Amino acid sequence: MLFSGATLILQKWIRQSHRWLGILLTVTILANFASMAFGPTPPVIVYAPLIPLALLVFSGLYMFFLPYMGKPLYPSKE
């Protein structure tokens, strides 16, 4: 299956955003632990890692299934 230029740009953008979301998730988790060291943590900081985590799940699942999309289940015997 040949990918068009727009599809390749979209795939590159998804991979790059997946990397940046991983960095953002790490920073929010570190901020969460740092905040816990100083007493009760506000709910905004406690639940902040959930947003990048959810986005990472979707982009990760997309990249996981990408090699299987567009391939026939049973290859032709030609």
N, C-alpha and C. Protein backbone atom coordinates (compact mmCIF):
# COMPACT_ATOMS: atom_id res chain seq x y z
N MET A 1 0.84 -1.18 0.00
CA MET A 1 0.00 0.00 0.00
C MET A 1 0.88 1.24 0.00
N LEU A 2 0.64 2.10 -0.92
CA LEU A 2 1.42 3.33 -1.00
C LEU A 2 0.72 4.42 -0.20
N PHE A 3 1.51 5.14 0.55
CA PHE A 3 0.96 6.23 1.34
C PHE A 3 1.14 7.53 0.59
N SER A 4 0.16 8.39 0.67
CA SER A 4 0.28 9.69 0.03
C SER A 4 1.14 10.61 0.89
N GLY A 5 1.51 11.74 0.34
CA GLY A 5 2.35 12.68 1.07
C GLY A 5 1.68 13.20 2.33
N ALA A 6 0.37 13.45 2.25
CA ALA A 6 -0.35 13.96 3.42
C ALA A 6 -0.39 12.92 4.53
N THR A 7 -0.52 11.65 4.17
CA THR A 7 -0.55 10.60 5.19
C THR A 7 0.80 10.47 5.87
N LEU A 8 1.88 10.58 5.10
CA LEU A 8 3.21 10.50 5.70
C LEU A 8 3.48 11.67 6.63
N ILE A 9 3.01 12.84 6.26
CA ILE A 9 3.17 14.02 7.12
C ILE A 9 2.37 13.82 8.41
N LEU A 10 1.16 13.27 8.30
CA LEU A 10 0.34 13.01 9.48
C LEU A 10 1.02 11.99 10.39
N GLN A 11 1.58 10.93 9.82
CA GLN A 11 2.27 9.92 10.63
C GLN A 11 3.48 10.52 11.34
N LYS A 12 4.23 11.36 10.65
CA LYS A 12 5.39 12.01 11.26
C LYS A 12 4.94 12.92 12.39
N TRP A 13 3.85 13.65 12.18
CA TRP A 13 3.33 14.55 13.20
C TRP A 13 2.87 13.78 14.42
N ILE A 14 2.22 12.64 14.21
CA ILE A 14 1.74 11.82 15.33
C ILE A 14 2.91 11.28 16.13
N ARG A 15 3.96 10.80 15.44
CA ARG A 15 5.14 10.30 16.14
C ARG A 15 5.81 11.39 16.97
N GLN A 16 5.95 12.57 16.37
CA GLN A 16 6.59 13.67 17.08
C GLN A 16 5.75 14.11 18.27
N SER A 17 4.44 14.19 18.10
CA SER A 17 3.59 14.58 19.23
C SER A 17 3.59 13.51 20.31
N HIS A 18 3.73 12.24 19.93
CA HIS A 18 3.81 11.16 20.91
C HIS A 18 5.07 11.34 21.78
N ARG A 19 6.17 11.71 21.16
CA ARG A 19 7.40 11.95 21.93
C ARG A 19 7.24 13.12 22.89
N TRP A 20 6.68 14.21 22.41
CA TRP A 20 6.51 15.38 23.27
C TRP A 20 5.50 15.12 24.38
N LEU A 21 4.48 14.34 24.09
CA LEU A 21 3.51 13.99 25.14
C LEU A 21 4.16 13.13 26.22
N GLY A 22 5.10 12.29 25.83
CA GLY A 22 5.85 11.50 26.82
C GLY A 22 6.66 12.39 27.74
N ILE A 23 7.27 13.42 27.18
CA ILE A 23 8.02 14.38 27.99
C ILE A 23 7.07 15.14 28.91
N LEU A 24 5.93 15.57 28.38
CA LEU A 24 4.95 16.29 29.19
C LEU A 24 4.41 15.42 30.32
N LEU A 25 4.16 14.14 30.04
CA LEU A 25 3.70 13.22 31.07
C LEU A 25 4.74 13.10 32.18
N THR A 26 6.00 12.97 31.80
CA THR A 26 7.07 12.87 32.79
C THR A 26 7.15 14.11 33.67
N VAL A 27 7.04 15.27 33.06
CA VAL A 27 7.10 16.53 33.82
C VAL A 27 5.92 16.65 34.77
N THR A 28 4.73 16.28 34.32
CA THR A 28 3.56 16.39 35.21
C THR A 28 3.64 15.40 36.37
N ILE A 29 4.20 14.23 36.12
CA ILE A 29 4.36 13.26 37.21
C ILE A 29 5.39 13.75 38.21
N LEU A 30 6.50 14.31 37.72
CA LEU A 30 7.51 14.87 38.62
C LEU A 30 6.94 16.03 39.43
N ALA A 31 6.13 16.87 38.79
CA ALA A 31 5.50 17.98 39.51
C ALA A 31 4.54 17.46 40.57
N ASN A 32 3.88 16.37 40.27
CA ASN A 32 2.96 15.75 41.22
C ASN A 32 3.72 15.28 42.46
N PHE A 33 4.82 14.57 42.27
CA PHE A 33 5.60 14.09 43.40
C PHE A 33 6.24 15.23 44.18
N ALA A 34 6.72 16.25 43.47
CA ALA A 34 7.31 17.40 44.15
C ALA A 34 6.26 18.13 44.97
N SER A 35 5.06 18.23 44.46
CA SER A 35 3.99 18.90 45.18
C SER A 35 3.58 18.11 46.42
N MET A 36 3.61 16.78 46.33
CA MET A 36 3.25 15.95 47.48
C MET A 36 4.24 16.10 48.63
N ALA A 37 5.45 16.48 48.33
CA ALA A 37 6.46 16.65 49.38
C ALA A 37 6.17 17.85 50.27
N PHE A 38 5.38 18.79 49.76
CA PHE A 38 5.11 20.01 50.52
C PHE A 38 3.74 20.03 51.17
N GLY A 39 3.05 18.91 51.21
CA GLY A 39 1.76 18.87 51.87
C GLY A 39 0.66 18.41 50.94
N PRO A 40 -0.58 18.76 51.28
CA PRO A 40 -1.71 18.33 50.45
C PRO A 40 -1.59 18.89 49.03
N THR A 41 -1.87 18.04 48.07
CA THR A 41 -1.73 18.42 46.67
C THR A 41 -3.09 18.82 46.10
N PRO A 42 -3.16 19.94 45.38
CA PRO A 42 -4.42 20.33 44.75
C PRO A 42 -4.83 19.31 43.67
N PRO A 43 -6.12 19.11 43.51
CA PRO A 43 -6.59 18.14 42.51
C PRO A 43 -6.13 18.44 41.09
N VAL A 44 -5.90 19.71 40.78
CA VAL A 44 -5.44 20.05 39.43
C VAL A 44 -4.10 19.39 39.14
N ILE A 45 -3.22 19.39 40.11
CA ILE A 45 -1.90 18.79 39.92
C ILE A 45 -2.00 17.26 39.96
N VAL A 46 -2.87 16.75 40.80
CA VAL A 46 -3.01 15.29 40.91
C VAL A 46 -3.52 14.70 39.59
N TYR A 47 -4.51 15.33 38.98
CA TYR A 47 -5.12 14.79 37.77
C TYR A 47 -4.48 15.30 36.48
N ALA A 48 -3.49 16.17 36.57
CA ALA A 48 -2.84 16.71 35.37
C ALA A 48 -2.20 15.64 34.49
N PRO A 49 -1.59 14.59 35.04
CA PRO A 49 -0.98 13.58 34.16
C PRO A 49 -1.98 12.76 33.34
N LEU A 50 -3.25 12.81 33.69
CA LEU A 50 -4.22 11.98 32.98
C LEU A 50 -4.45 12.43 31.54
N ILE A 51 -4.35 13.73 31.29
CA ILE A 51 -4.58 14.24 29.93
C ILE A 51 -3.49 13.75 28.97
N PRO A 52 -2.19 13.98 29.28
CA PRO A 52 -1.19 13.44 28.36
C PRO A 52 -1.19 11.91 28.29
N LEU A 53 -1.55 11.26 29.39
CA LEU A 53 -1.59 9.80 29.39
C LEU A 53 -2.66 9.29 28.42
N ALA A 54 -3.83 9.91 28.44
CA ALA A 54 -4.90 9.50 27.52
C ALA A 54 -4.50 9.73 26.07
N LEU A 55 -3.86 10.87 25.80
CA LEU A 55 -3.42 11.14 24.43
C LEU A 55 -2.32 10.18 24.00
N LEU A 56 -1.45 9.81 24.94
CA LEU A 56 -0.40 8.83 24.63
C LEU A 56 -0.99 7.46 24.31
N VAL A 57 -2.06 7.10 24.99
CA VAL A 57 -2.70 5.81 24.71
C VAL A 57 -3.22 5.79 23.28
N PHE A 58 -3.90 6.84 22.86
CA PHE A 58 -4.47 6.86 21.52
C PHE A 58 -3.39 6.90 20.44
N SER A 59 -2.37 7.75 20.63
CA SER A 59 -1.31 7.81 19.62
C SER A 59 -0.48 6.53 19.62
N GLY A 60 -0.28 5.93 20.77
CA GLY A 60 0.47 4.68 20.84
C GLY A 60 -0.28 3.53 20.19
N LEU A 61 -1.58 3.46 20.41
CA LEU A 61 -2.37 2.42 19.75
C LEU A 61 -2.39 2.60 18.24
N TYR A 62 -2.47 3.86 17.81
CA TYR A 62 -2.43 4.13 16.37
C TYR A 62 -1.12 3.64 15.77
N MET A 63 -0.01 3.97 16.42
CA MET A 63 1.29 3.56 15.89
C MET A 63 1.50 2.04 16.00
N PHE A 64 0.90 1.42 17.01
CA PHE A 64 1.02 -0.02 17.16
C PHE A 64 0.31 -0.76 16.02
N PHE A 65 -0.88 -0.30 15.66
CA PHE A 65 -1.66 -0.98 14.63
C PHE A 65 -1.35 -0.50 13.22
N LEU A 66 -0.54 0.53 13.07
CA LEU A 66 -0.22 1.08 11.76
C LEU A 66 0.39 0.05 10.81
N PRO A 67 1.34 -0.79 11.24
CA PRO A 67 1.89 -1.77 10.29
C PRO A 67 0.87 -2.79 9.80
N TYR A 68 -0.19 -3.02 10.57
CA TYR A 68 -1.18 -4.03 10.20
C TYR A 68 -2.31 -3.46 9.34
N MET A 69 -2.44 -2.16 9.30
CA MET A 69 -3.51 -1.55 8.51
C MET A 69 -3.13 -1.57 7.03
N GLY A 70 -4.07 -1.96 6.22
CA GLY A 70 -3.84 -1.96 4.78
C GLY A 70 -3.22 -3.22 4.25
N LYS A 71 -2.82 -4.14 5.11
CA LYS A 71 -2.26 -5.41 4.64
C LYS A 71 -3.39 -6.44 4.57
N PRO A 72 -3.37 -7.27 3.55
CA PRO A 72 -4.39 -8.32 3.47
C PRO A 72 -4.17 -9.36 4.56
N LEU A 73 -5.26 -9.93 5.03
CA LEU A 73 -5.18 -10.93 6.08
C LEU A 73 -4.50 -12.20 5.57
N TYR A 74 -4.86 -12.60 4.35
CA TYR A 74 -4.24 -13.77 3.72
C TYR A 74 -3.58 -13.31 2.43
N PRO A 75 -2.26 -13.29 2.38
CA PRO A 75 -1.59 -12.81 1.15
C PRO A 75 -1.89 -13.73 -0.04
N SER A 76 -1.95 -13.13 -1.20
CA SER A 76 -2.23 -13.91 -2.40
C SER A 76 -1.03 -14.80 -2.73
N LYS A 77 -1.30 -15.95 -3.32
CA LYS A 77 -0.24 -16.91 -3.66
C LYS A 77 0.09 -16.80 -5.14
N GLU A 78 0.61 -15.67 -5.53
CA GLU A 78 0.95 -15.46 -6.95
C GLU A 78 2.42 -15.56 -7.17
